[in-house]
Amino acid sequence: MSNPDAIIIGTGVIGAAIAFEMAKAGWKTLSLDRNAQVGHGSTAGSCAIIRMHYSTFDGTAFAWEGYHYWRDWAVYLGLPSDVPLAQFRQTGCLVMKTEANGNLEKHIRNSADLGIPFEEWTADQVLTRLPIYALDSFAPARRLDDPEFGKPNGGRMGGAVFWPNGGYVTDPALSAQNLMAAAERHGARVRTGAEVAAILQAGGRVSGVRLASGKEIHAPVVINVAGPGSSVINRMAGVTGDMTIQTRPLRQEVVHVPAPEGFDFETQGTIVSDSDIACYCRPEHGNHILIGSEDPECDPHQWCEDDMQYNRDFTDQWTTQVMRFAQRVPSLGIPSKTRGVVDLYDASTDWIPIYDKSSLPGFYMACGTSGNQYKNAPIAGKMMAALVRYCEEGGDHDTAPLQFDLPYIGRSIDVGFYSRKRPINDESSFSVLG
């Protein structure tokens, strides 16, 4: 613990995946987390959706690669058979065609180019799968205090695209714990309840960290995977000066409601993304539904300056989200008691993550990943391990970006796509959809 090869700040699903991949590659890693348990930061509040539709080609390829690790989760981890594992439920993922998403033309083209299975559904096919749905159009999304809220605009949803390989992981915190347990079998070490207070430097490069307890731990490599705390860590390291892409903690609410009476959404439902009502949903155990926001323009972003001190109570955003979903599902009951999750996302300027080195040699970052990168954790871990090795062996990632092979799908991506210095990506949805 006192002299690791690399310190990894954060034990969320991506931090744990990096520890696993680096430990397998022979690094002596030490993972630090201020939380009391592995995976108990923003990962625990994730909807843990595994999808492969993105508006960018690189994002689509990365997500399609990531799916295969969840499909083969037990094989990937190599843990003893008696270890409880997070479960991947392959329910499929349905995305409604709307003007806002360009009727999914980019998504269809990207999936076709990569050989990802998908089906174009008519409105009748949507209703066959989800008979509780009503297909009136309500766009643009509105808030409850808008006099036009809940009034159909006269149009009708024209159909959707269904990705049958989509699904979700039942216990996101457990998935991070699975990855860390697998990492420890390869020699990784972890210390929880350890808050980083300073990034140490010597000789023009990173040299370790100082904890809030005052203890110093020295290492030639430090990787920032601190989730909503990542911007604080980057400022500690003094590396924000050359970053065109920044990250900030964004407060989010996820609604947890019972499915309509008479329909088993847990087994017959699917993940749905619906930009017409600016909501996404997925099945939840006990025949419940989780409902998240797709960040429409009418909803104010709740950016937080402090990733520890923020409002953890539900607000009228909870009611707005459940009522928007009720436009699509008129038989939905609205509970009198609010249930769900209030947590922070680590969101980047264009909602595409930063997987990169920094201006401080030896200091790396995997930031801005919340909300749309859970699914990519295993392959992000592999890519970050490759990036650290590339740079530590003398590669200049800023001028000659690493080209990284995606082993399952047989493609290669330019890791410069995720650069901290990239132009803001105009192809992004600028929302949780990435």
Protein backbone atom coordinates (compact mmCIF):
# COMPACT_ATOMS: atom_id res chain seq x y z
CA MET A 1 0.00 0.00 0.00
CA SER A 2 2.81 2.45 0.73
CA ASN A 3 4.54 2.18 -2.67
CA PRO A 4 2.14 1.10 -5.43
CA ASP A 5 2.88 1.45 -9.12
CA ALA A 6 -0.35 3.36 -9.60
CA ILE A 7 -2.97 5.02 -7.40
CA ILE A 8 -6.55 4.94 -8.70
CA ILE A 9 -8.85 7.52 -7.09
CA GLY A 10 -12.38 6.11 -7.05
CA THR A 11 -13.91 2.65 -6.78
CA GLY A 12 -17.01 3.16 -8.87
CA VAL A 13 -17.62 0.78 -11.73
CA ILE A 14 -15.09 2.46 -14.03
CA GLY A 15 -12.43 2.91 -11.37
CA ALA A 16 -12.81 -0.74 -10.35
CA ALA A 17 -12.58 -1.83 -14.00
CA ILE A 18 -9.35 0.14 -14.43
CA ALA A 19 -7.92 -1.51 -11.31
CA PHE A 20 -8.87 -4.95 -12.67
CA GLU A 21 -7.34 -4.38 -16.09
CA MET A 22 -4.15 -2.79 -14.76
CA ALA A 23 -3.69 -5.52 -12.14
CA LYS A 24 -4.08 -8.16 -14.85
CA ALA A 25 -1.38 -6.34 -16.81
CA GLY A 26 1.03 -6.58 -13.87
CA TRP A 27 0.63 -3.18 -12.20
CA LYS A 28 0.61 -2.95 -8.41
CA THR A 29 -2.46 -0.77 -7.96
CA LEU A 30 -3.95 0.90 -4.91
CA SER A 31 -7.55 2.10 -5.20
CA LEU A 32 -8.68 4.85 -2.83
CA ASP A 33 -12.24 5.91 -2.08
CA ARG A 34 -13.65 8.28 0.52
CA ASN A 35 -16.82 6.15 0.73
CA ALA A 36 -17.06 3.31 3.21
CA GLN A 37 -17.68 0.65 0.55
CA VAL A 38 -16.60 -0.04 -3.02
CA GLY A 39 -19.16 1.11 -5.57
CA HIS A 40 -21.09 3.30 -3.14
CA GLY A 41 -20.64 6.62 -4.92
CA SER A 42 -22.66 7.63 -7.97
CA THR A 43 -22.35 4.09 -9.38
CA ALA A 44 -24.80 2.89 -6.72
CA GLY A 45 -27.37 5.39 -7.97
CA SER A 46 -26.96 4.45 -11.63
CA CYS A 47 -29.82 2.97 -13.65
CA ALA A 48 -27.09 0.66 -15.05
CA ILE A 49 -28.56 0.56 -18.55
CA ILE A 50 -26.62 -1.39 -21.17
CA ARG A 51 -27.37 0.11 -24.57
CA MET A 52 -25.54 0.42 -27.85
CA HIS A 53 -27.28 3.34 -29.57
CA TYR A 54 -25.31 6.57 -29.80
CA SER A 55 -25.38 9.49 -32.21
CA THR A 56 -21.58 9.23 -32.76
CA PHE A 57 -19.89 6.30 -34.50
CA ASP A 58 -17.08 6.04 -31.94
CA GLY A 59 -19.55 6.08 -29.07
CA THR A 60 -21.60 3.35 -30.75
CA ALA A 61 -18.57 1.13 -31.38
CA PHE A 62 -17.40 1.53 -27.79
CA ALA A 63 -20.83 0.66 -26.37
CA TRP A 64 -21.27 -2.36 -28.67
CA GLU A 65 -17.91 -3.67 -27.52
CA GLY A 66 -18.89 -3.05 -23.90
CA TYR A 67 -22.08 -5.11 -24.18
CA HIS A 68 -20.12 -8.34 -24.70
CA TYR A 69 -18.44 -8.13 -21.29
CA TRP A 70 -21.78 -7.87 -19.50
CA ARG A 71 -23.12 -10.76 -21.57
CA ASP A 72 -20.11 -12.86 -20.49
CA TRP A 73 -19.77 -11.29 -17.03
CA ALA A 74 -18.78 -14.44 -15.09
CA VAL A 75 -16.20 -15.45 -17.71
CA TYR A 76 -14.75 -11.94 -17.85
CA LEU A 77 -14.28 -11.74 -14.08
CA GLY A 78 -12.97 -15.27 -13.46
CA LEU A 79 -14.19 -15.25 -9.85
CA PRO A 80 -14.97 -18.44 -7.89
CA SER A 81 -18.43 -19.84 -8.61
CA ASP A 82 -19.68 -19.13 -5.08
CA VAL A 83 -19.17 -15.34 -5.37
CA PRO A 84 -22.52 -13.50 -5.88
CA LEU A 85 -22.47 -11.65 -9.20
CA ALA A 86 -24.45 -8.74 -10.54
CA GLN A 87 -26.91 -9.96 -13.17
CA PHE A 88 -27.40 -8.58 -16.68
CA ARG A 89 -31.05 -8.71 -17.81
CA GLN A 90 -31.30 -8.51 -21.61
CA THR A 91 -34.71 -6.90 -22.06
CA GLY A 92 -33.96 -5.01 -25.26
CA CYS A 93 -33.97 -1.25 -25.67
CA LEU A 94 -36.66 0.66 -27.54
CA VAL A 95 -36.04 4.21 -28.76
CA MET A 96 -38.92 6.28 -30.06
CA LYS A 97 -38.34 8.06 -33.37
CA THR A 98 -38.71 11.81 -32.92
CA GLU A 99 -37.72 15.02 -34.62
CA ALA A 100 -35.37 15.69 -31.69
CA ASN A 101 -33.28 12.57 -32.45
CA GLY A 102 -33.45 12.96 -36.23
CA ASN A 103 -35.72 9.91 -36.42
CA LEU A 104 -32.64 7.94 -35.35
CA GLU A 105 -31.06 8.10 -38.81
CA LYS A 106 -27.53 8.45 -37.39
CA HIS A 107 -28.15 5.68 -34.85
CA ILE A 108 -29.46 3.33 -37.54
CA ARG A 109 -26.51 4.09 -39.82
CA ASN A 110 -23.98 3.52 -37.02
CA SER A 111 -25.60 0.24 -35.98
CA ALA A 112 -25.76 -0.99 -39.57
CA ASP A 113 -22.10 -0.12 -40.16
CA LEU A 114 -21.08 -2.06 -37.04
CA GLY A 115 -23.37 -5.05 -37.54
CA ILE A 116 -25.38 -4.35 -34.38
CA PRO A 117 -28.77 -6.10 -34.43
CA PHE A 118 -31.72 -3.69 -34.54
CA GLU A 119 -35.31 -3.66 -35.75
CA GLU A 120 -37.39 -0.76 -37.01
CA TRP A 121 -40.85 -0.96 -35.41
CA THR A 122 -44.10 0.58 -36.51
CA ALA A 123 -46.38 2.25 -33.99
CA ASP A 124 -48.53 -0.90 -33.95
CA GLN A 125 -45.50 -3.04 -33.08
CA VAL A 126 -44.71 -0.70 -30.18
CA LEU A 127 -48.26 -1.14 -28.87
CA THR A 128 -48.04 -4.91 -29.23
CA ARG A 129 -45.02 -4.94 -26.91
CA LEU A 130 -46.32 -2.16 -24.64
CA PRO A 131 -50.13 -2.18 -24.70
CA ILE A 132 -50.18 0.29 -21.79
CA TYR A 133 -48.72 2.97 -24.06
CA ALA A 134 -50.54 5.83 -25.78
CA LEU A 135 -48.75 7.23 -28.83
CA ASP A 136 -49.93 10.82 -28.94
CA SER A 137 -47.09 13.30 -29.39
CA PHE A 138 -46.53 15.88 -26.66
CA ALA A 139 -43.32 17.56 -27.86
CA PRO A 140 -41.78 19.84 -26.87
CA ALA A 141 -41.37 18.68 -23.29
CA ARG A 142 -42.84 21.10 -20.78
CA ARG A 143 -42.87 21.68 -17.05
CA LEU A 144 -45.98 21.18 -14.95
CA ASP A 145 -46.58 24.92 -14.55
CA ASP A 146 -46.83 25.33 -18.34
CA PRO A 147 -50.52 25.76 -19.35
CA GLU A 148 -49.87 23.46 -22.32
CA PHE A 149 -48.49 20.62 -20.21
CA GLY A 150 -50.21 17.32 -20.95
CA LYS A 151 -51.94 18.55 -24.10
CA PRO A 152 -51.15 16.47 -27.22
CA ASN A 153 -49.77 18.54 -30.08
CA GLY A 154 -51.96 16.81 -32.67
CA GLY A 155 -49.22 14.53 -33.95
CA ARG A 156 -48.65 10.84 -33.36
CA MET A 157 -45.52 8.82 -32.72
CA GLY A 158 -44.44 7.26 -36.00
CA GLY A 159 -42.52 4.28 -34.68
CA ALA A 160 -39.31 3.30 -32.98
CA VAL A 161 -36.08 1.32 -33.24
CA PHE A 162 -35.57 -1.73 -31.05
CA TRP A 163 -32.10 -2.96 -30.10
CA PRO A 164 -32.68 -6.53 -28.79
CA ASN A 165 -29.28 -6.79 -27.07
CA GLY A 166 -29.95 -3.91 -24.69
CA GLY A 167 -30.72 -4.45 -21.04
CA TYR A 168 -29.69 -3.46 -17.54
CA VAL A 169 -27.62 -4.68 -14.60
CA THR A 170 -29.66 -5.48 -11.51
CA ASP A 171 -27.18 -4.23 -8.89
CA PRO A 172 -24.66 -1.61 -10.09
CA ALA A 173 -22.84 -1.35 -6.75
CA LEU A 174 -22.35 -5.12 -6.74
CA SER A 175 -20.91 -4.96 -10.25
CA ALA A 176 -18.19 -2.57 -9.03
CA GLN A 177 -17.55 -4.88 -6.08
CA ASN A 178 -17.27 -7.83 -8.48
CA LEU A 179 -14.65 -5.97 -10.50
CA MET A 180 -12.67 -5.01 -7.42
CA ALA A 181 -12.78 -8.56 -6.08
CA ALA A 182 -11.46 -9.76 -9.45
CA ALA A 183 -8.74 -7.09 -9.32
CA GLU A 184 -7.69 -8.17 -5.82
CA ARG A 185 -7.18 -11.72 -7.07
CA HIS A 186 -4.51 -10.23 -9.34
CA GLY A 187 -2.81 -8.33 -6.52
CA ALA A 188 -4.73 -5.03 -6.50
CA ARG A 189 -5.28 -3.35 -3.15
CA VAL A 190 -8.12 -1.10 -2.03
CA ARG A 191 -8.58 1.34 0.83
CA THR A 192 -12.00 2.83 1.56
CA GLY A 193 -12.71 5.72 3.91
CA ALA A 194 -9.64 7.44 2.44
CA GLU A 195 -10.21 10.97 1.16
CA VAL A 196 -7.59 12.52 -1.11
CA ALA A 197 -6.68 16.04 0.04
CA ALA A 198 -3.73 16.83 -2.27
CA ILE A 199 -2.00 15.57 -5.41
CA LEU A 200 1.75 15.41 -4.83
CA GLN A 201 4.32 16.41 -7.45
CA ALA A 202 8.08 16.08 -7.74
CA GLY A 203 10.52 16.56 -10.59
CA GLY A 204 7.86 17.85 -12.96
CA ARG A 205 5.49 14.89 -12.64
CA VAL A 206 2.95 13.42 -10.25
CA SER A 207 4.44 11.64 -7.24
CA GLY A 208 1.41 10.46 -5.26
CA VAL A 209 -1.33 11.75 -2.99
CA ARG A 210 -1.83 13.13 0.49
CA LEU A 211 -4.90 11.90 2.34
CA ALA A 212 -7.10 13.99 4.61
CA SER A 213 -5.53 12.07 7.50
CA GLY A 214 -2.16 13.56 6.54
CA LYS A 215 -0.72 10.27 5.30
CA GLU A 216 1.23 10.45 2.05
CA ILE A 217 1.23 7.61 -0.47
CA HIS A 218 3.77 7.80 -3.26
CA ALA A 219 3.35 6.44 -6.78
CA PRO A 220 4.56 7.47 -10.25
CA VAL A 221 1.05 7.19 -11.71
CA VAL A 222 -2.24 8.61 -10.39
CA ILE A 223 -5.56 8.10 -12.19
CA ASN A 224 -8.52 10.36 -11.42
CA VAL A 225 -11.76 8.33 -11.56
CA ALA A 226 -13.45 10.26 -8.78
CA GLY A 227 -16.87 10.63 -10.44
CA PRO A 228 -18.63 13.83 -9.34
CA GLY A 229 -15.48 14.75 -7.39
CA SER A 230 -13.27 14.57 -10.48
CA SER A 231 -13.18 18.31 -11.11
CA VAL A 232 -11.95 18.90 -7.55
CA ILE A 233 -9.15 16.35 -8.04
CA ASN A 234 -8.17 17.92 -11.39
CA ARG A 235 -7.91 21.33 -9.74
CA MET A 236 -5.77 19.82 -6.97
CA ALA A 237 -3.43 18.53 -9.68
CA GLY A 238 -3.40 21.89 -11.47
CA VAL A 239 -4.22 20.33 -14.83
CA THR A 240 -7.30 22.27 -15.95
CA GLY A 241 -5.43 24.98 -17.90
CA ASP A 242 -5.25 23.13 -21.23
CA MET A 243 -8.65 21.42 -21.00
CA THR A 244 -11.28 22.55 -23.51
CA ILE A 245 -13.64 19.98 -21.95
CA GLN A 246 -14.47 20.41 -18.27
CA THR A 247 -16.54 18.34 -15.86
CA ARG A 248 -19.01 19.38 -13.18
CA PRO A 249 -21.30 17.54 -10.76
CA LEU A 250 -24.93 17.64 -11.89
CA ARG A 251 -27.79 16.78 -9.56
CA GLN A 252 -30.25 14.21 -10.92
CA GLU A 253 -33.48 12.59 -9.70
CA VAL A 254 -34.67 9.13 -10.76
CA VAL A 255 -38.30 8.16 -10.12
CA HIS A 256 -39.32 4.73 -8.78
CA VAL A 257 -43.04 3.91 -9.29
CA PRO A 258 -45.21 0.78 -9.52
CA ALA A 259 -46.14 -0.42 -12.99
CA PRO A 260 -49.81 0.00 -14.02
CA GLU A 261 -52.11 -2.63 -12.58
CA GLY A 262 -52.56 -5.64 -14.84
CA PHE A 263 -49.29 -5.32 -16.78
CA ASP A 264 -46.07 -7.06 -15.77
CA PHE A 265 -43.54 -4.43 -16.78
CA GLU A 266 -40.74 -6.28 -15.02
CA THR A 267 -40.93 -9.26 -17.38
CA GLN A 268 -42.83 -7.89 -20.40
CA GLY A 269 -41.50 -4.35 -20.45
CA THR A 270 -38.27 -3.05 -21.91
CA ILE A 271 -35.93 -0.09 -21.65
CA VAL A 272 -37.50 2.86 -23.45
CA SER A 273 -35.93 6.15 -24.49
CA ASP A 274 -38.52 8.72 -25.50
CA SER A 275 -37.38 12.23 -26.35
CA ASP A 276 -40.96 13.24 -27.18
CA ILE A 277 -41.71 13.27 -23.43
CA ALA A 278 -38.01 13.68 -22.46
CA CYS A 279 -37.95 10.53 -20.31
CA TYR A 280 -36.28 7.15 -20.32
CA CYS A 281 -37.38 4.17 -18.26
CA ARG A 282 -36.43 0.64 -17.40
CA PRO A 283 -38.02 -2.28 -15.53
CA GLU A 284 -37.23 -2.67 -11.83
CA HIS A 285 -37.76 -5.58 -9.47
CA GLY A 286 -41.15 -5.93 -7.79
CA ASN A 287 -42.87 -4.88 -11.06
CA HIS A 288 -41.74 -1.29 -10.71
CA ILE A 289 -40.46 1.23 -13.25
CA LEU A 290 -37.46 3.55 -12.97
CA ILE A 291 -37.94 6.86 -14.81
CA GLY A 292 -35.10 9.24 -15.61
CA SER A 293 -34.92 12.58 -17.39
CA GLU A 294 -33.39 13.16 -20.81
CA ASP A 295 -32.55 16.75 -19.80
CA PRO A 296 -34.91 18.79 -21.99
CA GLU A 297 -34.24 22.49 -22.47
CA CYS A 298 -37.13 23.50 -20.19
CA ASP A 299 -35.57 21.81 -17.16
CA PRO A 300 -32.91 23.91 -15.41
CA HIS A 301 -29.64 22.07 -14.90
CA GLN A 302 -28.87 21.77 -11.21
CA TRP A 303 -25.08 22.12 -11.21
CA CYS A 304 -23.44 21.72 -7.80
CA GLU A 305 -20.26 23.45 -6.70
CA ASP A 306 -19.79 21.00 -3.82
CA ASP A 307 -20.09 17.31 -4.62
CA MET A 308 -20.60 16.47 -0.94
CA GLN A 309 -23.08 19.15 0.16
CA TYR A 310 -26.17 19.16 -2.05
CA ASN A 311 -29.94 18.73 -1.69
CA ARG A 312 -30.67 15.01 -1.32
CA ASP A 313 -34.44 15.49 -1.08
CA PHE A 314 -36.86 15.08 -3.97
CA THR A 315 -38.15 18.27 -5.56
CA ASP A 316 -40.88 19.11 -8.08
CA GLN A 317 -38.58 17.52 -10.68
CA TRP A 318 -39.73 14.12 -9.35
CA THR A 319 -43.36 15.03 -10.02
CA THR A 320 -42.51 16.50 -13.43
CA GLN A 321 -40.81 13.28 -14.54
CA VAL A 322 -43.55 10.94 -13.37
CA MET A 323 -46.25 13.14 -14.93
CA ARG A 324 -44.36 13.28 -18.24
CA PHE A 325 -44.20 9.50 -18.26
CA ALA A 326 -47.92 9.36 -17.43
CA GLN A 327 -48.56 11.19 -20.73
CA ARG A 328 -47.27 8.05 -22.44
CA VAL A 329 -48.81 5.62 -19.91
CA PRO A 330 -52.22 7.06 -18.94
CA SER A 331 -52.99 4.16 -16.57
CA LEU A 332 -49.90 4.90 -14.47
CA GLY A 333 -50.71 5.44 -10.82
CA ILE A 334 -49.01 8.44 -9.20
CA PRO A 335 -47.90 7.45 -5.69
CA SER A 336 -48.41 9.90 -2.85
CA LYS A 337 -44.98 8.97 -1.47
CA THR A 338 -41.88 9.82 -3.49
CA ARG A 339 -39.40 7.00 -4.07
CA GLY A 340 -36.26 6.76 -6.17
CA VAL A 341 -32.73 8.13 -6.20
CA VAL A 342 -31.20 11.58 -5.81
CA ASP A 343 -27.55 11.61 -6.81
CA LEU A 344 -24.89 13.46 -8.78
CA TYR A 345 -23.65 12.85 -12.29
CA ASP A 346 -20.12 13.72 -13.36
CA ALA A 347 -21.02 15.45 -16.63
CA SER A 348 -18.63 16.88 -19.20
CA THR A 349 -19.16 19.93 -21.40
CA ASP A 350 -20.50 17.83 -24.30
CA TRP A 351 -21.59 14.79 -22.22
CA ILE A 352 -18.85 12.68 -23.82
CA PRO A 353 -16.30 11.44 -21.27
CA ILE A 354 -12.64 12.32 -20.92
CA TYR A 355 -10.35 9.28 -21.09
CA ASP A 356 -6.94 10.91 -21.30
CA LYS A 357 -3.55 11.86 -19.94
CA SER A 358 -3.10 15.35 -18.54
CA SER A 359 -0.61 18.19 -18.70
CA LEU A 360 1.02 16.73 -15.56
CA PRO A 361 3.09 13.66 -16.54
CA GLY A 362 1.87 10.54 -14.77
CA PHE A 363 -1.57 12.01 -13.95
CA TYR A 364 -4.46 10.50 -15.95
CA MET A 365 -8.22 11.00 -15.95
CA ALA A 366 -11.36 9.01 -16.64
CA CYS A 367 -13.94 11.74 -15.99
CA GLY A 368 -17.36 12.93 -17.12
CA THR A 369 -18.62 9.37 -17.32
CA SER A 370 -21.85 9.47 -15.29
CA GLY A 371 -25.21 8.66 -16.80
CA ASN A 372 -24.05 7.23 -20.12
CA GLN A 373 -20.80 5.32 -19.53
CA TYR A 374 -21.73 2.65 -16.97
CA LYS A 375 -22.18 0.19 -19.83
CA ASN A 376 -18.65 0.89 -21.08
CA ALA A 377 -16.82 0.22 -17.80
CA PRO A 378 -15.04 -3.02 -18.79
CA ILE A 379 -13.74 -1.74 -22.12
CA ALA A 380 -12.96 1.68 -20.61
CA GLY A 381 -10.83 -0.17 -18.05
CA LYS A 382 -8.96 -1.96 -20.83
CA MET A 383 -8.49 1.24 -22.81
CA MET A 384 -7.22 3.24 -19.82
CA ALA A 385 -4.73 0.50 -18.96
CA ALA A 386 -3.48 0.61 -22.57
CA LEU A 387 -3.33 4.41 -22.52
CA VAL A 388 -1.26 4.53 -19.32
CA ARG A 389 1.16 1.98 -20.71
CA TYR A 390 1.40 3.84 -24.04
CA CYS A 391 2.21 7.16 -22.37
CA GLU A 392 4.51 5.75 -19.68
CA GLU A 393 6.52 4.01 -22.42
CA GLY A 394 7.05 7.34 -24.17
CA GLY A 395 4.05 7.68 -26.48
CA ASP A 396 2.88 11.26 -27.08
CA HIS A 397 -0.87 10.82 -26.90
CA ASP A 398 -1.58 14.50 -27.56
CA THR A 399 0.13 14.54 -30.96
CA ALA A 400 -0.07 10.82 -31.88
CA PRO A 401 -3.20 9.50 -30.11
CA LEU A 402 -3.34 5.86 -29.10
CA GLN A 403 -5.17 3.64 -31.57
CA PHE A 404 -7.00 1.04 -29.49
CA ASP A 405 -8.33 -2.29 -30.71
CA LEU A 406 -11.78 -3.40 -29.58
CA PRO A 407 -11.24 -7.16 -29.35
CA TYR A 408 -14.82 -8.45 -29.51
CA ILE A 409 -15.97 -6.45 -32.53
CA GLY A 410 -12.65 -6.33 -34.39
CA ARG A 411 -12.53 -2.55 -34.76
CA SER A 412 -10.00 0.08 -33.78
CA ILE A 413 -10.82 3.51 -32.34
CA ASP A 414 -8.81 6.69 -32.02
CA VAL A 415 -8.63 7.35 -28.29
CA GLY A 416 -8.13 11.02 -29.12
CA PHE A 417 -11.94 11.06 -29.53
CA TYR A 418 -12.05 11.25 -25.71
CA SER A 419 -9.32 13.90 -25.39
CA ARG A 420 -9.51 16.62 -22.75
CA LYS A 421 -8.39 19.04 -25.50
CA ARG A 422 -10.92 18.08 -28.17
CA PRO A 423 -13.34 20.55 -29.72
CA ILE A 424 -16.83 20.29 -28.27
CA ASN A 425 -18.48 17.46 -30.23
CA ASP A 426 -21.41 18.84 -32.23
CA GLU A 427 -22.73 15.31 -32.83
CA SER A 428 -23.44 14.83 -29.12
CA SER A 429 -26.99 14.94 -27.83
CA PHE A 430 -25.72 17.27 -25.04
CA SER A 431 -27.73 15.21 -22.59
CA VAL A 432 -27.52 12.00 -20.58
CA LEU A 433 -27.84 10.18 -23.93
CA GLY A 434 -24.28 11.24 -24.79
